[in-house]
């Protein structure tokens, strides 16, 4: 079984890569969605967060995300404490998914694929990037946000050189259309996996 990690800055085309791998028989692990499920169900993680950050859970048991965000964003030490709790828990959870997988392979979708150590579970890690002006337009349209907010989101993410240094492959999305990128990214993974392209 093959494990591939997908990462890269927002607006670069990661969703297209994930769709291509689904078509090739892979199970997708969305680490953002997994994280929020773990916050509801992983009692060890919840207790660790409570001890580290105090009353950040609501009376109904849900995480008070704005309250936790106010503590960790803008405070690197607090964010490091949170990551020290989340990353090991995520590593264990993803490892279990890989162990139980009955598909051709698993593709891990994680913005912090490298920083979290999830890249160590992968046979290959692939970063998707695109020119900043293209990413800016995509983010604004996709999320319905202002240029200022989109630029702030982009500025908070790692530069391309980080992915170039740490990932097996760095793919820059220069396609002229979504359809062209769909075909190019599918062909890339089919070649990587030595698949016969039937489409």
C-alpha atoms as a PDB file:
ATOM      1  CA  UNK A   1       0.000   0.000   0.000  1.00  0.00           C
ATOM      2  CA  UNK A   2       1.188   3.493  -0.880  1.00  0.00           C
ATOM      3  CA  UNK A   3       0.883   6.561   1.360  1.00  0.00           C
ATOM      4  CA  UNK A   4       1.126  10.014  -0.231  1.00  0.00           C
ATOM      5  CA  UNK A   5       1.076  13.316   1.648  1.00  0.00           C
ATOM      6  CA  UNK A   6      -0.375  16.436   0.020  1.00  0.00           C
ATOM      7  CA  UNK A   7       0.419  19.892   1.340  1.00  0.00           C
ATOM      8  CA  UNK A   8       1.108  23.425   0.181  1.00  0.00           C
ATOM      9  CA  UNK A   9      -0.293  26.918   0.621  1.00  0.00           C
ATOM     10  CA  UNK A  10      -3.986  27.653   0.262  1.00  0.00           C
ATOM     11  CA  UNK A  11      -5.272  28.319  -3.239  1.00  0.00           C
ATOM     12  CA  UNK A  12      -2.718  26.140  -5.013  1.00  0.00           C
ATOM     13  CA  UNK A  13      -4.885  23.257  -6.200  1.00  0.00           C
ATOM     14  CA  UNK A  14      -4.629  20.646  -3.443  1.00  0.00           C
ATOM     15  CA  UNK A  15      -8.281  19.665  -3.849  1.00  0.00           C
ATOM     16  CA  UNK A  16      -7.623  18.758  -7.490  1.00  0.00           C
ATOM     17  CA  UNK A  17      -4.712  16.544  -6.445  1.00  0.00           C
ATOM     18  CA  UNK A  18      -6.845  14.800  -3.831  1.00  0.00           C
ATOM     19  CA  UNK A  19      -9.608  14.177  -6.364  1.00  0.00           C
ATOM     20  CA  UNK A  20      -7.091  12.668  -8.799  1.00  0.00           C
ATOM     21  CA  UNK A  21      -5.840  10.274  -6.133  1.00  0.00           C
ATOM     22  CA  UNK A  22      -9.397   9.307  -5.183  1.00  0.00           C
ATOM     23  CA  UNK A  23      -9.972   8.393  -8.834  1.00  0.00           C
ATOM     24  CA  UNK A  24      -6.840   6.259  -8.640  1.00  0.00           C
ATOM     25  CA  UNK A  25      -8.260   4.286  -5.700  1.00  0.00           C
ATOM     26  CA  UNK A  26      -6.880   6.163  -2.682  1.00  0.00           C
ATOM     27  CA  UNK A  27      -8.606   6.879   0.613  1.00  0.00           C
ATOM     28  CA  UNK A  28      -8.365  10.581   1.512  1.00  0.00           C
ATOM     29  CA  UNK A  29      -7.581  11.586   5.088  1.00  0.00           C
ATOM     30  CA  UNK A  30      -8.645  15.212   5.628  1.00  0.00           C
ATOM     31  CA  UNK A  31      -6.577  16.179   8.666  1.00  0.00           C
ATOM     32  CA  UNK A  32      -8.592  19.347   9.345  1.00  0.00           C
ATOM     33  CA  UNK A  33     -11.793  17.319   9.592  1.00  0.00           C
ATOM     34  CA  UNK A  34     -10.019  14.618  11.596  1.00  0.00           C
ATOM     35  CA  UNK A  35      -8.714  17.234  14.042  1.00  0.00           C
ATOM     36  CA  UNK A  36     -12.210  18.547  14.752  1.00  0.00           C
ATOM     37  CA  UNK A  37     -13.556  15.020  15.245  1.00  0.00           C
ATOM     38  CA  UNK A  38     -10.729  14.341  17.679  1.00  0.00           C
ATOM     39  CA  UNK A  39     -11.594  17.471  19.641  1.00  0.00           C
ATOM     40  CA  UNK A  40     -15.047  15.960  20.210  1.00  0.00           C
ATOM     41  CA  UNK A  41     -14.011  12.354  20.866  1.00  0.00           C
ATOM     42  CA  UNK A  42     -10.368  12.064  21.971  1.00  0.00           C
ATOM     43  CA  UNK A  43     -10.598  12.427  25.727  1.00  0.00           C
ATOM     44  CA  UNK A  44      -6.833  12.392  26.228  1.00  0.00           C
ATOM     45  CA  UNK A  45      -6.409  15.283  23.781  1.00  0.00           C
ATOM     46  CA  UNK A  46      -9.319  17.198  25.294  1.00  0.00           C
ATOM     47  CA  UNK A  47      -7.939  16.813  28.815  1.00  0.00           C
ATOM     48  CA  UNK A  48      -4.489  17.908  27.672  1.00  0.00           C
ATOM     49  CA  UNK A  49      -5.946  21.055  26.098  1.00  0.00           C
ATOM     50  CA  UNK A  50      -7.993  21.773  29.213  1.00  0.00           C
ATOM     51  CA  UNK A  51      -4.950  21.463  31.461  1.00  0.00           C
ATOM     52  CA  UNK A  52      -2.793  23.608  29.177  1.00  0.00           C
ATOM     53  CA  UNK A  53      -5.295  26.371  28.374  1.00  0.00           C
ATOM     54  CA  UNK A  54      -8.022  26.345  30.996  1.00  0.00           C
ATOM     55  CA  UNK A  55     -11.787  26.560  30.369  1.00  0.00           C
ATOM     56  CA  UNK A  56     -11.833  26.523  26.567  1.00  0.00           C
ATOM     57  CA  UNK A  57     -14.679  24.005  26.265  1.00  0.00           C
ATOM     58  CA  UNK A  58     -18.309  25.122  26.222  1.00  0.00           C
ATOM     59  CA  UNK A  59     -20.992  23.680  28.538  1.00  0.00           C
ATOM     60  CA  UNK A  60     -22.131  21.354  25.733  1.00  0.00           C
ATOM     61  CA  UNK A  61     -18.606  19.922  25.523  1.00  0.00           C
ATOM     62  CA  UNK A  62     -17.639  21.564  22.236  1.00  0.00           C
ATOM     63  CA  UNK A  63     -14.359  23.418  21.956  1.00  0.00           C
ATOM     64  CA  UNK A  64     -14.732  27.185  22.200  1.00  0.00           C
ATOM     65  CA  UNK A  65     -12.632  27.785  19.094  1.00  0.00           C
ATOM     66  CA  UNK A  66     -12.579  31.602  19.332  1.00  0.00           C
ATOM     67  CA  UNK A  67     -11.432  31.376  22.975  1.00  0.00           C
ATOM     68  CA  UNK A  68      -8.595  28.992  22.139  1.00  0.00           C
ATOM     69  CA  UNK A  69      -7.731  31.026  19.065  1.00  0.00           C
ATOM     70  CA  UNK A  70      -7.422  34.177  21.146  1.00  0.00           C
ATOM     71  CA  UNK A  71      -4.895  32.384  23.342  1.00  0.00           C
ATOM     72  CA  UNK A  72      -2.668  30.766  20.719  1.00  0.00           C
ATOM     73  CA  UNK A  73      -2.722  33.096  17.724  1.00  0.00           C
ATOM     74  CA  UNK A  74      -0.136  35.797  18.158  1.00  0.00           C
ATOM     75  CA  UNK A  75       1.572  33.824  20.944  1.00  0.00           C
ATOM     76  CA  UNK A  76       4.136  31.423  19.413  1.00  0.00           C
ATOM     77  CA  UNK A  77       4.835  29.722  22.745  1.00  0.00           C
ATOM     78  CA  UNK A  78       1.135  28.983  23.300  1.00  0.00           C
ATOM     79  CA  UNK A  79       0.776  27.703  19.741  1.00  0.00           C
ATOM     80  CA  UNK A  80       3.768  25.433  20.295  1.00  0.00           C
ATOM     81  CA  UNK A  81       2.081  24.032  23.434  1.00  0.00           C
ATOM     82  CA  UNK A  82      -1.082  23.317  21.455  1.00  0.00           C
ATOM     83  CA  UNK A  83       0.838  21.683  18.610  1.00  0.00           C
ATOM     84  CA  UNK A  84       2.769  19.532  21.116  1.00  0.00           C
ATOM     85  CA  UNK A  85      -0.594  18.077  22.139  1.00  0.00           C
ATOM     86  CA  UNK A  86      -2.237  17.866  18.717  1.00  0.00           C
ATOM     87  CA  UNK A  87       0.600  16.566  16.549  1.00  0.00           C
ATOM     88  CA  UNK A  88       1.260  13.289  18.449  1.00  0.00           C
ATOM     89  CA  UNK A  89      -2.474  12.595  18.705  1.00  0.00           C
ATOM     90  CA  UNK A  90      -2.897  13.232  14.990  1.00  0.00           C
ATOM     91  CA  UNK A  91       0.092  11.019  14.162  1.00  0.00           C
ATOM     92  CA  UNK A  92      -1.460   8.143  16.119  1.00  0.00           C
ATOM     93  CA  UNK A  93      -4.902   8.619  14.555  1.00  0.00           C
ATOM     94  CA  UNK A  94      -3.594   8.796  10.979  1.00  0.00           C
ATOM     95  CA  UNK A  95      -1.320   5.822  11.596  1.00  0.00           C
ATOM     96  CA  UNK A  96      -4.352   3.796  12.664  1.00  0.00           C
ATOM     97  CA  UNK A  97      -6.264   4.816   9.533  1.00  0.00           C
ATOM     98  CA  UNK A  98      -3.332   3.689   7.385  1.00  0.00           C
ATOM     99  CA  UNK A  99      -3.128   0.395   9.272  1.00  0.00           C
ATOM    100  CA  UNK A 100      -6.841  -0.285   8.729  1.00  0.00           C
ATOM    101  CA  UNK A 101      -6.998   0.880   5.115  1.00  0.00           C
ATOM    102  CA  UNK A 102      -8.161  -1.686   2.561  1.00  0.00           C
ATOM    103  CA  UNK A 103      -7.790   0.615  -0.465  1.00  0.00           C
ATOM    104  CA  UNK A 104      -4.869   0.893  -2.851  1.00  0.00           C
ATOM    105  CA  UNK A 105      -3.398   3.585  -0.660  1.00  0.00           C
ATOM    106  CA  UNK A 106      -3.941   6.573   1.595  1.00  0.00           C
ATOM    107  CA  UNK A 107      -3.491  10.233   0.755  1.00  0.00           C
ATOM    108  CA  UNK A 108      -2.955  12.544   3.728  1.00  0.00           C
ATOM    109  CA  UNK A 109      -4.223  16.098   3.254  1.00  0.00           C
ATOM    110  CA  UNK A 110      -2.483  18.278   5.851  1.00  0.00           C
ATOM    111  CA  UNK A 111      -1.410  21.914   5.769  1.00  0.00           C
ATOM    112  CA  UNK A 112       1.157  21.061   8.481  1.00  0.00           C
ATOM    113  CA  UNK A 113       2.179  17.753   6.918  1.00  0.00           C
ATOM    114  CA  UNK A 114       5.892  18.319   7.491  1.00  0.00           C
ATOM    115  CA  UNK A 115       5.785  20.218  10.791  1.00  0.00           C
ATOM    116  CA  UNK A 116       3.472  17.644  12.396  1.00  0.00           C
ATOM    117  CA  UNK A 117       5.637  14.661  11.469  1.00  0.00           C
ATOM    118  CA  UNK A 118       2.870  13.147   9.331  1.00  0.00           C
ATOM    119  CA  UNK A 119       5.250  13.305   6.378  1.00  0.00           C
ATOM    120  CA  UNK A 120       7.232  10.521   8.061  1.00  0.00           C
ATOM    121  CA  UNK A 121       4.284   8.186   7.429  1.00  0.00           C
ATOM    122  CA  UNK A 122       4.395   8.845   3.678  1.00  0.00           C
ATOM    123  CA  UNK A 123       6.172   7.159   0.801  1.00  0.00           C
ATOM    124  CA  UNK A 124       6.091  10.489  -1.040  1.00  0.00           C
ATOM    125  CA  UNK A 125       5.189  14.026  -0.023  1.00  0.00           C
ATOM    126  CA  UNK A 126       3.858  16.395  -2.675  1.00  0.00           C
ATOM    127  CA  UNK A 127       3.488  20.159  -2.288  1.00  0.00           C
ATOM    128  CA  UNK A 128       1.212  22.102  -4.625  1.00  0.00           C
ATOM    129  CA  UNK A 129       2.073  25.759  -5.213  1.00  0.00           C
ATOM    130  CA  UNK A 130       0.942  28.521  -7.560  1.00  0.00           C
ATOM    131  CA  UNK A 131       1.883  32.115  -8.326  1.00  0.00           C
ATOM    132  CA  UNK A 132       0.797  34.491  -5.526  1.00  0.00           C
ATOM    133  CA  UNK A 133      -1.534  36.559  -7.732  1.00  0.00           C
ATOM    134  CA  UNK A 134      -3.324  33.404  -8.902  1.00  0.00           C
ATOM    135  CA  UNK A 135      -3.660  32.116  -5.343  1.00  0.00           C
ATOM    136  CA  UNK A 136      -4.983  35.494  -4.213  1.00  0.00           C
ATOM    137  CA  UNK A 137      -7.782  35.477  -6.794  1.00  0.00           C
ATOM    138  CA  UNK A 138      -8.714  31.872  -6.033  1.00  0.00           C
ATOM    139  CA  UNK A 139      -8.900  32.449  -2.281  1.00  0.00           C
ATOM    140  CA  UNK A 140     -11.048  35.574  -2.663  1.00  0.00           C
ATOM    141  CA  UNK A 141     -13.508  33.826  -4.991  1.00  0.00           C
ATOM    142  CA  UNK A 142     -13.532  30.489  -3.154  1.00  0.00           C
ATOM    143  CA  UNK A 143     -13.977  31.903   0.358  1.00  0.00           C
ATOM    144  CA  UNK A 144     -15.802  35.134  -0.478  1.00  0.00           C
ATOM    145  CA  UNK A 145     -13.326  37.291   1.434  1.00  0.00           C
ATOM    146  CA  UNK A 146     -11.654  40.639   0.832  1.00  0.00           C
ATOM    147  CA  UNK A 147      -8.245  41.042  -0.751  1.00  0.00           C
ATOM    148  CA  UNK A 148      -6.875  42.220   2.601  1.00  0.00           C
ATOM    149  CA  UNK A 149      -8.013  39.073   4.408  1.00  0.00           C
ATOM    150  CA  UNK A 150      -6.800  36.851   1.599  1.00  0.00           C
ATOM    151  CA  UNK A 151      -3.356  38.465   1.663  1.00  0.00           C
ATOM    152  CA  UNK A 152      -3.178  38.095   5.450  1.00  0.00           C
ATOM    153  CA  UNK A 153      -4.014  34.391   5.130  1.00  0.00           C
ATOM    154  CA  UNK A 154      -1.320  33.929   2.500  1.00  0.00           C
ATOM    155  CA  UNK A 155       1.274  35.816   4.561  1.00  0.00           C
ATOM    156  CA  UNK A 156       0.735  33.450   7.496  1.00  0.00           C
ATOM    157  CA  UNK A 157       1.744  30.391   5.466  1.00  0.00           C
ATOM    158  CA  UNK A 158       5.098  28.883   4.620  1.00  0.00           C
ATOM    159  CA  UNK A 159       7.001  30.114   1.534  1.00  0.00           C
ATOM    160  CA  UNK A 160       7.602  27.842  -1.449  1.00  0.00           C
ATOM    161  CA  UNK A 161      11.231  27.311  -0.449  1.00  0.00           C
ATOM    162  CA  UNK A 162      10.068  25.484   2.695  1.00  0.00           C
ATOM    163  CA  UNK A 163       8.172  22.941   0.608  1.00  0.00           C
ATOM    164  CA  UNK A 164      10.992  22.678  -1.911  1.00  0.00           C
ATOM    165  CA  UNK A 165      13.372  21.749   0.901  1.00  0.00           C
ATOM    166  CA  UNK A 166      11.145  19.279   2.743  1.00  0.00           C
ATOM    167  CA  UNK A 167       8.882  17.590   0.159  1.00  0.00           C
ATOM    168  CA  UNK A 168       9.629  14.847  -2.336  1.00  0.00           C
ATOM    169  CA  UNK A 169       7.946  16.782  -5.139  1.00  0.00           C
ATOM    170  CA  UNK A 170       6.997  20.430  -5.599  1.00  0.00           C
ATOM    171  CA  UNK A 171       4.385  20.979  -8.320  1.00  0.00           C
ATOM    172  CA  UNK A 172       3.634  24.520  -9.448  1.00  0.00           C
ATOM    173  CA  UNK A 173       0.148  24.963 -10.838  1.00  0.00           C
ATOM    174  CA  UNK A 174       0.706  26.912 -14.064  1.00  0.00           C
ATOM    175  CA  UNK A 175      -2.234  25.410 -15.939  1.00  0.00           C
ATOM    176  CA  UNK A 176      -4.343  27.765 -18.006  1.00  0.00           C
ATOM    177  CA  UNK A 177      -7.614  26.217 -16.842  1.00  0.00           C
ATOM    178  CA  UNK A 178      -8.980  23.919 -14.179  1.00  0.00           C
ATOM    179  CA  UNK A 179      -9.615  21.210 -16.793  1.00  0.00           C
ATOM    180  CA  UNK A 180      -5.996  21.367 -17.916  1.00  0.00           C
ATOM    181  CA  UNK A 181      -4.737  21.125 -14.336  1.00  0.00           C
ATOM    182  CA  UNK A 182      -7.106  18.211 -13.657  1.00  0.00           C
ATOM    183  CA  UNK A 183      -5.540  16.312 -16.547  1.00  0.00           C
ATOM    184  CA  UNK A 184      -1.955  17.240 -15.694  1.00  0.00           C
ATOM    185  CA  UNK A 185      -2.222  16.313 -12.031  1.00  0.00           C
ATOM    186  CA  UNK A 186      -4.014  13.043 -12.796  1.00  0.00           C
ATOM    187  CA  UNK A 187      -1.311  12.137 -15.314  1.00  0.00           C
ATOM    188  CA  UNK A 188       1.425  12.992 -12.796  1.00  0.00           C
ATOM    189  CA  UNK A 189       0.053  10.654 -10.135  1.00  0.00           C
ATOM    190  CA  UNK A 190      -0.793   7.927 -12.643  1.00  0.00           C
ATOM    191  CA  UNK A 191       2.812   8.027 -13.875  1.00  0.00           C
ATOM    192  CA  UNK A 192       4.150   8.104 -10.320  1.00  0.00           C
ATOM    193  CA  UNK A 193       2.107   5.038  -9.435  1.00  0.00           C
ATOM    194  CA  UNK A 194       2.815   3.331 -12.785  1.00  0.00           C
ATOM    195  CA  UNK A 195      -0.892   3.210 -13.554  1.00  0.00           C
ATOM    196  CA  UNK A 196      -2.338   2.651 -17.014  1.00  0.00           C
ATOM    197  CA  UNK A 197      -4.248   5.798 -17.898  1.00  0.00           C
ATOM    198  CA  UNK A 198      -7.657   4.766 -19.208  1.00  0.00           C
ATOM    199  CA  UNK A 199      -9.317   8.182 -19.282  1.00  0.00           C
END
